Protein backbone atom coordinates (compact mmCIF):
# COMPACT_ATOMS: atom_id res chain seq x y z
CA MET A 1 0.00 0.00 0.00
CA PRO A 2 1.63 3.33 -1.02
CA THR A 3 2.31 6.05 1.58
CA VAL A 4 1.81 9.69 0.63
CA GLU A 5 3.77 12.16 2.73
CA GLY A 6 1.56 14.76 4.37
CA GLY A 7 -1.50 13.31 2.66
CA VAL A 8 -4.41 10.97 3.28
CA VAL A 9 -4.24 7.36 2.44
CA THR A 10 -7.35 6.01 0.66
CA VAL A 11 -7.99 2.36 0.92
CA ILE A 12 -10.48 0.78 -1.54
CA GLU A 13 -11.84 -2.49 -0.31
CA ASP A 14 -14.27 -4.76 -2.16
CA LEU A 15 -16.96 -5.91 0.22
CA PRO A 16 -19.20 -8.87 -0.57
CA PHE A 17 -22.94 -8.23 -1.12
CA TYR A 18 -25.93 -10.39 -1.71
CA THR A 19 -28.93 -10.19 -4.07
CA THR A 20 -32.52 -11.14 -3.56
CA THR A 21 -35.13 -11.49 -6.28
CA ILE A 22 -38.76 -10.48 -6.15
CA THR A 23 -41.05 -11.88 -8.85
CA GLU A 24 -44.22 -10.16 -9.97
CA LEU A 25 -46.68 -10.48 -12.86
CA TYR A 26 -45.65 -8.63 -16.00
CA THR A 27 -48.27 -5.99 -16.79
CA GLY A 28 -46.78 -4.35 -19.85
CA THR A 29 -48.12 -4.44 -23.38
CA SER A 30 -45.08 -5.88 -25.14
CA LEU A 31 -44.73 -9.59 -25.70
CA ILE A 32 -42.09 -11.26 -23.54
CA THR A 33 -40.95 -14.85 -23.73
CA GLY A 34 -39.38 -15.09 -20.28
CA PRO A 35 -38.68 -13.21 -17.05
CA ILE A 36 -37.14 -9.72 -17.35
CA ALA A 37 -35.61 -7.42 -14.74
CA ILE A 38 -37.69 -4.29 -14.43
CA SER A 39 -35.94 -2.58 -11.48
CA THR A 40 -33.02 -2.88 -9.08
CA ILE A 41 -33.17 -1.64 -5.51
CA LEU A 42 -29.73 -0.48 -4.32
CA ALA A 43 -27.95 -2.41 -1.64
CA SER A 44 -29.03 -1.98 1.91
CA ASP A 45 -27.00 -3.84 4.49
CA SER A 46 -25.12 -5.51 1.61
CA VAL A 47 -28.35 -6.80 -0.01
CA VAL A 48 -29.37 -5.80 -3.57
CA THR A 49 -32.99 -6.46 -4.56
CA ILE A 50 -33.83 -7.24 -8.19
CA VAL A 51 -37.48 -7.09 -9.27
CA MET A 52 -38.28 -9.56 -12.04
CA ALA A 53 -41.44 -9.49 -14.14
CA THR A 54 -42.52 -12.85 -15.51
CA PRO A 55 -45.05 -13.59 -18.24
CA PRO A 56 -48.07 -15.45 -16.93
CA VAL A 57 -49.00 -19.01 -17.65
CA PHE A 58 -52.39 -19.13 -19.35
CA SER A 59 -54.89 -21.84 -18.47
CA THR A 60 -57.89 -22.18 -20.75
CA ARG A 61 -61.17 -23.84 -19.90
CA PHE A 62 -64.80 -23.92 -21.04
CA TYR A 63 -67.01 -21.00 -20.16
CA THR A 64 -69.86 -22.35 -18.03
CA GLY A 65 -71.91 -19.21 -17.45
CA THR A 66 -75.23 -18.25 -18.97
CA SER A 67 -74.25 -14.99 -20.66
CA ILE A 68 -73.50 -14.84 -24.37
CA LEU A 69 -69.78 -14.31 -24.98
CA SER A 70 -68.26 -12.73 -28.07
CA GLY A 71 -64.77 -13.90 -27.15
CA PRO A 72 -62.52 -15.20 -24.35
CA ILE A 73 -62.73 -13.61 -20.90
CA THR A 74 -60.28 -13.54 -17.97
CA VAL A 75 -61.93 -15.00 -14.89
CA THR A 76 -59.01 -15.36 -12.41
CA THR A 77 -55.40 -14.20 -12.06
CA LEU A 78 -53.16 -16.03 -9.58
CA SER A 79 -50.12 -14.01 -8.43
CA PRO A 80 -46.64 -15.54 -8.80
CA SER A 81 -45.17 -17.27 -5.79
CA GLY A 82 -41.49 -18.11 -5.44
CA SER A 83 -40.46 -19.92 -8.58
CA ASP A 84 -44.05 -20.40 -9.72
CA PRO A 85 -45.14 -17.92 -12.39
CA ALA A 86 -48.42 -16.09 -12.34
CA THR A 87 -51.38 -17.96 -13.78
CA VAL A 88 -54.18 -16.37 -15.79
CA ILE A 89 -57.31 -18.48 -16.18
CA ILE A 90 -59.15 -17.80 -19.43
CA GLU A 91 -62.64 -19.02 -20.23
CA LYS A 92 -63.56 -19.35 -23.88
CA PRO A 93 -66.92 -19.90 -25.51
CA PRO A 94 -66.79 -23.26 -27.26
CA VAL A 95 -66.94 -23.76 -30.98
CA THR A 96 -70.21 -25.54 -31.72
CA ILE A 97 -70.44 -28.12 -34.48
CA THR A 98 -73.72 -29.76 -35.42
CA GLN A 99 -74.13 -33.10 -37.12
CA ARG A 100 -77.06 -35.33 -37.99
CA TYR A 101 -77.78 -38.39 -35.89
CA SER A 102 -80.53 -40.97 -35.68
CA GLY A 103 -82.18 -39.75 -32.48
CA SER A 104 -85.37 -37.75 -32.13
CA SER A 105 -84.13 -34.79 -30.05
CA THR A 106 -81.10 -32.51 -29.93
CA VAL A 107 -78.30 -33.77 -27.65
CA THR A 108 -74.67 -32.97 -26.84
CA LEU A 109 -72.59 -35.80 -28.30
CA THR A 110 -69.02 -34.78 -27.44
CA LYS A 111 -67.08 -32.05 -25.62
CA ILE A 112 -63.45 -31.44 -26.56
CA THR A 113 -61.60 -29.51 -23.85
CA PRO A 114 -59.77 -26.37 -25.05
CA THR A 115 -55.97 -26.15 -25.03
CA ALA A 116 -53.64 -23.18 -25.03
CA THR A 117 -53.85 -22.99 -28.82
CA GLU A 118 -57.14 -24.68 -29.68
CA ASP A 119 -60.65 -23.63 -28.78
CA GLY A 120 -62.95 -26.00 -26.99
CA THR A 121 -65.42 -27.79 -29.23
CA VAL A 122 -68.92 -28.98 -28.51
CA ILE A 123 -70.47 -31.42 -31.01
CA ILE A 124 -74.26 -31.25 -31.04
CA GLY A 125 -76.31 -34.07 -32.53
CA ILE A 126 -79.49 -32.91 -34.22
CA PRO A 127 -82.22 -35.20 -35.55
CA ALA A 128 -82.87 -35.25 -39.26
CA PRO A 129 -85.76 -33.00 -40.30
CA GLN A 130 -89.07 -34.55 -41.24
CA PRO A 131 -89.36 -35.40 -44.93
CA VAL A 132 -91.03 -32.92 -47.25
CA THR A 133 -94.00 -34.30 -49.17
CA SER A 134 -94.51 -33.35 -52.80
CA TYR A 135 -97.87 -34.21 -54.41
CA HIS A 136 -98.41 -34.83 -58.13
CA GLN A 137 -101.54 -36.05 -59.90
CA TYR A 138 -101.16 -39.54 -61.34
CA SER A 139 -100.88 -39.49 -65.13
CA GLY A 140 -100.48 -43.19 -65.93
CA SER A 141 -102.72 -45.33 -68.11
CA SER A 142 -104.03 -47.61 -65.34
CA SER A 143 -106.35 -46.43 -62.59
CA ILE A 144 -105.51 -45.86 -58.94
CA ASN A 145 -107.95 -45.23 -56.11
CA ALA A 146 -105.64 -43.79 -53.47
CA ALA A 147 -102.51 -41.71 -53.16
CA ARG A 148 -99.26 -43.63 -53.26
CA ALA A 149 -95.60 -42.86 -52.70
CA VAL A 150 -93.64 -43.36 -55.90
CA THR A 151 -90.15 -42.22 -54.92
CA THR A 152 -88.10 -40.80 -52.09
CA ILE A 153 -85.30 -38.30 -52.67
CA GLN A 154 -82.63 -38.86 -50.04
CA PRO A 155 -81.69 -35.98 -47.73
CA THR A 156 -78.48 -33.99 -48.02
CA ASP A 157 -76.55 -32.04 -45.40
CA THR A 158 -78.76 -29.02 -46.00
CA GLU A 159 -82.00 -30.42 -47.42
CA PRO A 160 -84.50 -32.88 -45.90
CA ALA A 161 -85.69 -35.97 -47.69
CA THR A 162 -88.52 -35.51 -50.19
CA VAL A 163 -91.30 -38.06 -50.64
CA VAL A 164 -93.09 -37.80 -53.98
CA ILE A 165 -96.77 -38.79 -53.76
CA GLU A 166 -98.99 -39.48 -56.76
CA THR A 167 -102.67 -38.75 -56.24
CA PRO A 168 -105.51 -40.18 -58.35
CA ALA A 169 -107.38 -37.94 -60.73
CA PRO A 170 -110.83 -36.93 -59.45
CA PRO A 171 -113.71 -39.15 -60.62
CA PRO A 172 -116.31 -37.78 -63.08
CA ALA A 173 -118.55 -35.18 -61.48
CA PHE A 174 -122.30 -35.34 -60.91
CA SER A 175 -124.64 -32.87 -62.56
CA CYS A 176 -125.89 -30.42 -59.96
CA ASP A 177 -129.68 -30.77 -60.28
CA GLU A 178 -132.75 -31.19 -58.11
CA GLY A 179 -132.05 -34.87 -57.40
CA GLY A 180 -130.50 -36.40 -54.30
CA TYR A 181 -128.31 -39.43 -53.67
CA LEU A 182 -128.69 -42.32 -51.27
CA ILE A 183 -126.06 -44.86 -50.21
CA GLN A 184 -126.86 -48.17 -48.52
CA VAL A 185 -123.74 -50.00 -47.31
CA ARG A 186 -121.87 -49.91 -50.67
CA THR A 187 -124.71 -49.30 -53.13
CA LEU A 188 -125.32 -45.79 -54.49
CA TYR A 189 -128.77 -44.66 -55.67
CA ARG A 190 -130.07 -41.49 -57.24
CA LEU A 191 -133.16 -40.27 -55.40
CA ASN A 192 -136.02 -38.39 -57.06
CA LEU A 193 -136.99 -35.99 -54.32
CA VAL A 194 -140.44 -35.41 -55.87
CA THR A 195 -141.60 -38.98 -56.46
CA GLY A 196 -139.32 -40.74 -53.97
CA VAL A 197 -138.23 -43.22 -56.63
CA ASN A 198 -134.66 -44.51 -56.39
CA SER A 199 -132.57 -45.45 -59.40
CA LEU A 200 -129.39 -47.49 -59.13
CA VAL A 201 -126.16 -45.62 -59.86
CA ALA A 202 -123.47 -48.14 -58.86
CA GLN A 203 -122.84 -51.17 -56.67
CA ASN A 204 -119.73 -52.21 -54.74
CA VAL A 205 -118.60 -48.64 -54.31
CA GLY A 206 -115.37 -48.24 -52.36
CA PRO A 207 -112.55 -50.60 -51.41
CA GLY A 208 -114.70 -53.26 -49.75
CA ALA A 209 -114.26 -54.91 -46.38
CA PRO A 210 -110.67 -55.22 -45.12
CA SER A 211 -109.82 -58.54 -43.50
CA GLY A 212 -110.83 -58.80 -39.86
CA THR A 213 -113.11 -55.76 -39.74
CA THR A 214 -116.67 -55.42 -38.52
CA ASN A 215 -118.87 -53.55 -41.03
CA GLY A 216 -115.64 -52.95 -42.97
CA GLY A 217 -116.09 -51.26 -46.32
CA THR A 218 -119.43 -49.76 -45.32
CA ILE A 219 -119.79 -46.17 -46.50
CA ASN A 220 -121.56 -44.18 -43.84
CA PRO A 221 -122.40 -40.44 -43.81
CA ILE A 222 -122.19 -38.81 -47.22
CA GLY A 223 -122.42 -35.22 -48.35
CA TYR A 224 -122.60 -33.46 -51.70
CA ASN A 225 -119.90 -30.87 -52.38
CA VAL A 226 -121.20 -28.14 -54.70
CA LEU A 227 -117.66 -26.88 -55.33
CA ASP A 228 -116.62 -29.94 -57.32
CA ASN A 229 -120.00 -31.76 -57.71
CA LEU A 230 -118.68 -34.91 -56.02
CA ILE A 231 -119.98 -36.90 -53.06
CA TYR A 232 -117.79 -37.29 -49.98
CA GLY A 233 -118.31 -39.97 -47.37
CA ILE A 234 -116.58 -42.02 -44.70
CA VAL A 235 -115.58 -45.64 -45.22
CA GLN A 236 -114.22 -48.03 -42.61
CA VAL A 237 -110.79 -49.29 -43.65
CA ALA A 238 -109.75 -51.03 -40.40
CA ASN A 239 -111.11 -51.69 -36.94
CA SER A 240 -111.69 -48.30 -35.26
CA LYS A 241 -110.27 -46.47 -38.25
CA SER A 242 -112.07 -44.84 -41.17
CA GLN A 243 -111.05 -42.82 -44.19
CA VAL A 244 -112.67 -40.12 -46.29
CA ILE A 245 -113.86 -41.39 -49.68
CA ARG A 246 -114.71 -39.30 -52.76
CA ILE A 247 -117.33 -40.74 -55.12
CA GLY A 248 -118.04 -39.78 -58.73
CA SER A 249 -121.12 -40.03 -60.93
CA THR A 250 -120.21 -43.52 -62.20
CA GLY A 251 -119.54 -44.94 -58.74
CA SER A 252 -115.79 -44.67 -59.23
CA TYR A 253 -114.00 -43.39 -56.16
CA THR A 254 -110.76 -42.20 -54.66
CA LEU A 255 -109.61 -42.51 -51.06
CA MET A 256 -108.52 -39.19 -49.60
CA ASN A 257 -105.51 -38.78 -47.33
CA THR A 258 -107.74 -38.01 -44.34
CA PHE A 259 -108.25 -40.59 -41.59
CA ILE A 260 -110.60 -40.72 -38.63
CA ASP A 261 -109.69 -42.70 -35.52
CA GLY A 262 -111.94 -43.81 -32.71
CA SER A 263 -115.64 -44.61 -32.82
CA GLN A 264 -117.17 -46.36 -35.79
CA TYR A 265 -120.12 -45.06 -37.75
CA LEU A 266 -123.22 -47.19 -37.81
CA PRO A 267 -124.30 -48.68 -41.11
CA GLY A 268 -127.58 -47.52 -42.56
CA ARG A 269 -129.08 -45.22 -45.16
CA TYR A 270 -127.47 -41.86 -45.78
CA VAL A 271 -128.72 -39.23 -48.17
CA ALA A 272 -126.78 -36.45 -49.87
């Protein structure tokens, strides 16, 4: 150590010091990929304090509330502790995917939990829509007495199935005059309302008695429709089930797509 005559000797001595680190959640707007020092507190009693800001760890989960979300929301922030970084819990609305399934009501089929990079996904099973019915008048050379399905167009992802139904052409009309009409079981008469004389129009009107029915094939109440000059009645087609029948001037008929369940009509005489 040098000695300076008449002067002051200055001794420079390096003293040991210690550092301590405080970790807190980074709140800046820049993107950081790891901890950064944001401040240093000068030594006090040989201890230097360094304040480190750490990026949070994000944890993503399904949103389970009832409000409608337009995007992710922060629900909880856990402060850093020791060597554990801060944790931010994010709830995201799930991505909903619908797909057809064979059930009759809408159900949740699958839930895929979200990750840090992928949204959660909910797969909803929806039943196929009811088929659409398209009616066309039959134009073939043979005769048909009731509507019939001729083809079915299979459904697509966006369109329901379509069932094409052919309907029979209406039978020949009656002449709208002063006469009336009487039906007994399956026999149709024209009734002269002045003299009371009946004249036969047609026998065996309608489809006849289905197997196993009581009074099956009997045509019960009838009425005259002035809009198309045809007679409409009710015919039993099965036990406790009847169908509307349309009758023309020659006794030819068509069965309408209208059914009546429940009580049966009693056979007898009915006048239109």
